[in-house]
Amino acid sequence: MPRSRCQVVDRLGRPHLSLWSLDAGISLGVYTDKWYIDVRTSEAEMATKVGTEPIDGAELLILESLADGPKHGYLLTSDIQTRNGRRLAPGTLYTAIARLETRGLIRALDADDRRRPYELTDDGNRALEARLRELARFSAAGLDRLEARPS
């Protein structure tokens, strides 16, 4: 039987994550699109671990784009397309922005006319750097394996 339950919502109030703390330090989380089970030592630790899934896809592209300063949605889309050759549709962009805000990796700044700029938080900067270093190690190991493969 669950001891406690919490729910994380996005900035529009939609459920993003439901988290149950079970006996023996086990917690069960349900995202809108996937399940996970994790072993934790305390409920306090559980609260700090919400949203620790790897940063990939649109979220990684957005964080990388914000690394050189705040941008609003249209400028993010343009920058990502120019630098990475990928075009994010508005639904993809703003859904990823909402997830990043929920995780505390970016924050919205005061609106400039109709456009709302976003910037990296300190946590977002650290998360982006850690993920990019992890991907660099992965790429280097993969290239080493390809080079070592017999022709």
Protein backbone atom coordinates (compact mmCIF):
# COMPACT_ATOMS: atom_id res chain seq x y z
CA MET A 1 0.00 0.00 0.00
CA PRO A 2 1.44 3.44 -0.92
CA ARG A 3 2.60 5.59 1.99
CA SER A 4 2.37 8.86 0.12
CA ARG A 5 1.64 10.26 -3.32
CA CYS A 6 2.55 13.46 -5.07
CA GLN A 7 1.73 14.77 -8.52
CA VAL A 8 3.81 17.11 -10.65
CA VAL A 9 2.00 19.29 -13.18
CA ASP A 10 3.29 21.39 -16.04
CA ARG A 11 2.82 25.16 -16.22
CA LEU A 12 -0.64 24.66 -17.74
CA GLY A 13 -1.73 22.51 -14.81
CA ARG A 14 -1.72 19.24 -16.78
CA PRO A 15 -0.47 16.12 -14.95
CA HIS A 16 3.12 15.33 -15.87
CA LEU A 17 4.16 12.80 -13.25
CA SER A 18 2.47 10.89 -10.45
CA LEU A 19 4.81 9.51 -7.80
CA TRP A 20 4.00 6.99 -5.09
CA SER A 21 6.29 6.12 -2.21
CA LEU A 22 5.97 2.43 -1.30
CA ASP A 23 7.40 0.39 1.57
CA ALA A 24 11.09 -0.55 1.68
CA GLY A 25 12.25 2.66 -0.03
CA ILE A 26 10.72 1.77 -3.39
CA SER A 27 8.90 4.42 -5.36
CA LEU A 28 6.73 4.04 -8.43
CA GLY A 29 6.38 6.87 -10.91
CA VAL A 30 4.01 7.22 -13.82
CA TYR A 31 4.81 9.74 -16.54
CA THR A 32 2.21 10.56 -19.14
CA ASP A 33 4.05 8.35 -21.63
CA LYS A 34 6.05 5.78 -19.60
CA TRP A 35 6.43 3.93 -16.29
CA TYR A 36 9.47 3.61 -14.10
CA ILE A 37 10.28 1.93 -10.82
CA ASP A 38 13.15 3.21 -8.72
CA VAL A 39 14.64 2.31 -5.37
CA ARG A 40 15.24 5.25 -3.05
CA THR A 41 16.41 5.64 0.48
CA SER A 42 13.97 8.30 1.65
CA GLU A 43 11.04 10.43 0.61
CA ALA A 44 13.24 13.53 0.80
CA GLU A 45 15.57 12.00 -1.76
CA MET A 46 12.54 11.09 -3.87
CA ALA A 47 11.54 14.75 -4.10
CA THR A 48 14.96 15.78 -5.39
CA LYS A 49 15.04 13.03 -8.04
CA VAL A 50 11.83 13.93 -9.89
CA GLY A 51 12.55 14.49 -13.58
CA THR A 52 16.02 12.94 -13.77
CA GLU A 53 15.44 11.06 -17.02
CA PRO A 54 18.17 11.71 -19.61
CA ILE A 55 17.98 14.90 -21.64
CA ASP A 56 17.50 13.99 -25.29
CA GLY A 57 15.75 15.08 -28.45
CA ALA A 58 14.00 18.44 -28.49
CA GLU A 59 14.95 19.15 -24.87
CA LEU A 60 18.65 18.77 -25.61
CA LEU A 61 18.36 20.97 -28.71
CA ILE A 62 16.58 23.69 -26.70
CA LEU A 63 19.12 23.63 -23.87
CA GLU A 64 22.00 23.79 -26.35
CA SER A 65 20.39 26.75 -28.10
CA LEU A 66 19.90 28.59 -24.79
CA ALA A 67 23.55 28.04 -23.82
CA ASP A 68 24.55 31.33 -25.44
CA GLY A 69 21.74 33.41 -23.97
CA PRO A 70 17.96 33.85 -23.63
CA LYS A 71 15.69 33.27 -26.64
CA HIS A 72 11.97 33.26 -27.34
CA GLY A 73 10.17 30.43 -29.15
CA TYR A 74 10.59 31.62 -32.74
CA LEU A 75 14.26 32.46 -32.22
CA LEU A 76 14.81 29.04 -30.60
CA THR A 77 13.25 27.32 -33.62
CA SER A 78 15.36 29.38 -36.05
CA ASP A 79 18.59 28.85 -34.11
CA ILE A 80 18.04 25.09 -33.80
CA GLN A 81 17.28 24.78 -37.51
CA THR A 82 20.34 26.85 -38.49
CA ARG A 83 22.81 25.17 -36.12
CA ASN A 84 21.50 21.60 -36.09
CA GLY A 85 19.45 21.24 -39.27
CA ARG A 86 16.34 20.20 -37.35
CA ARG A 87 13.03 22.02 -37.40
CA LEU A 88 10.91 21.76 -34.25
CA ALA A 89 7.17 22.13 -34.79
CA PRO A 90 5.48 24.49 -32.31
CA GLY A 91 3.79 21.62 -30.47
CA THR A 92 7.10 19.83 -30.00
CA LEU A 93 8.91 23.02 -29.00
CA TYR A 94 6.43 24.22 -26.39
CA THR A 95 5.84 20.75 -24.94
CA ALA A 96 9.60 20.36 -24.44
CA ILE A 97 9.82 23.88 -22.98
CA ALA A 98 7.08 22.99 -20.46
CA ARG A 99 8.98 19.82 -19.45
CA LEU A 100 12.23 21.75 -19.04
CA GLU A 101 10.48 24.41 -16.92
CA THR A 102 8.90 21.69 -14.76
CA ARG A 103 12.32 20.16 -14.22
CA GLY A 104 13.78 23.56 -13.30
CA LEU A 105 16.29 23.53 -16.16
CA ILE A 106 14.99 26.70 -17.82
CA ARG A 107 12.89 29.65 -16.68
CA ALA A 108 10.66 32.09 -18.50
CA LEU A 109 11.64 35.74 -18.38
CA ASP A 110 9.26 38.69 -18.54
CA ALA A 111 7.49 38.85 -21.88
CA ASP A 112 8.88 41.20 -24.50
CA ASP A 113 5.78 42.30 -26.47
CA ARG A 114 4.07 38.98 -27.23
CA ARG A 115 7.27 36.95 -27.09
CA ARG A 116 8.34 35.23 -23.90
CA PRO A 117 12.10 34.56 -23.71
CA TYR A 118 13.55 31.61 -21.81
CA GLU A 119 16.96 31.19 -20.20
CA LEU A 120 18.99 28.37 -18.70
CA THR A 121 18.96 28.06 -14.92
CA ASP A 122 22.12 27.06 -13.06
CA ASP A 123 20.72 23.51 -12.85
CA GLY A 124 20.03 23.60 -16.59
CA ASN A 125 23.58 24.71 -17.31
CA ARG A 126 24.99 21.87 -15.19
CA ALA A 127 22.61 19.31 -16.72
CA LEU A 128 23.48 20.39 -20.27
CA GLU A 129 27.20 20.25 -19.60
CA ALA A 130 26.94 16.80 -17.99
CA ARG A 131 24.82 15.44 -20.86
CA LEU A 132 27.12 16.85 -23.54
CA ARG A 133 30.16 15.35 -21.80
CA GLU A 134 28.36 12.00 -21.55
CA LEU A 135 27.50 12.12 -25.27
CA ALA A 136 31.12 13.04 -26.12
CA ARG A 137 32.37 9.97 -24.20
CA PHE A 138 29.78 7.80 -25.93
CA SER A 139 30.78 9.16 -29.37
CA ALA A 140 34.50 8.66 -28.69
CA ALA A 141 33.96 5.07 -27.56
CA GLY A 142 31.81 4.34 -30.62
CA LEU A 143 34.39 5.80 -32.98
CA ASP A 144 37.15 3.77 -31.28
CA ARG A 145 35.13 0.60 -31.80
CA LEU A 146 34.55 1.41 -35.47
CA GLU A 147 38.26 2.04 -36.01
CA ALA A 148 39.22 -1.19 -34.24
CA ARG A 149 36.79 -3.27 -36.29
CA PRO A 150 38.46 -5.49 -38.89
CA SER A 151 37.72 -4.43 -42.45
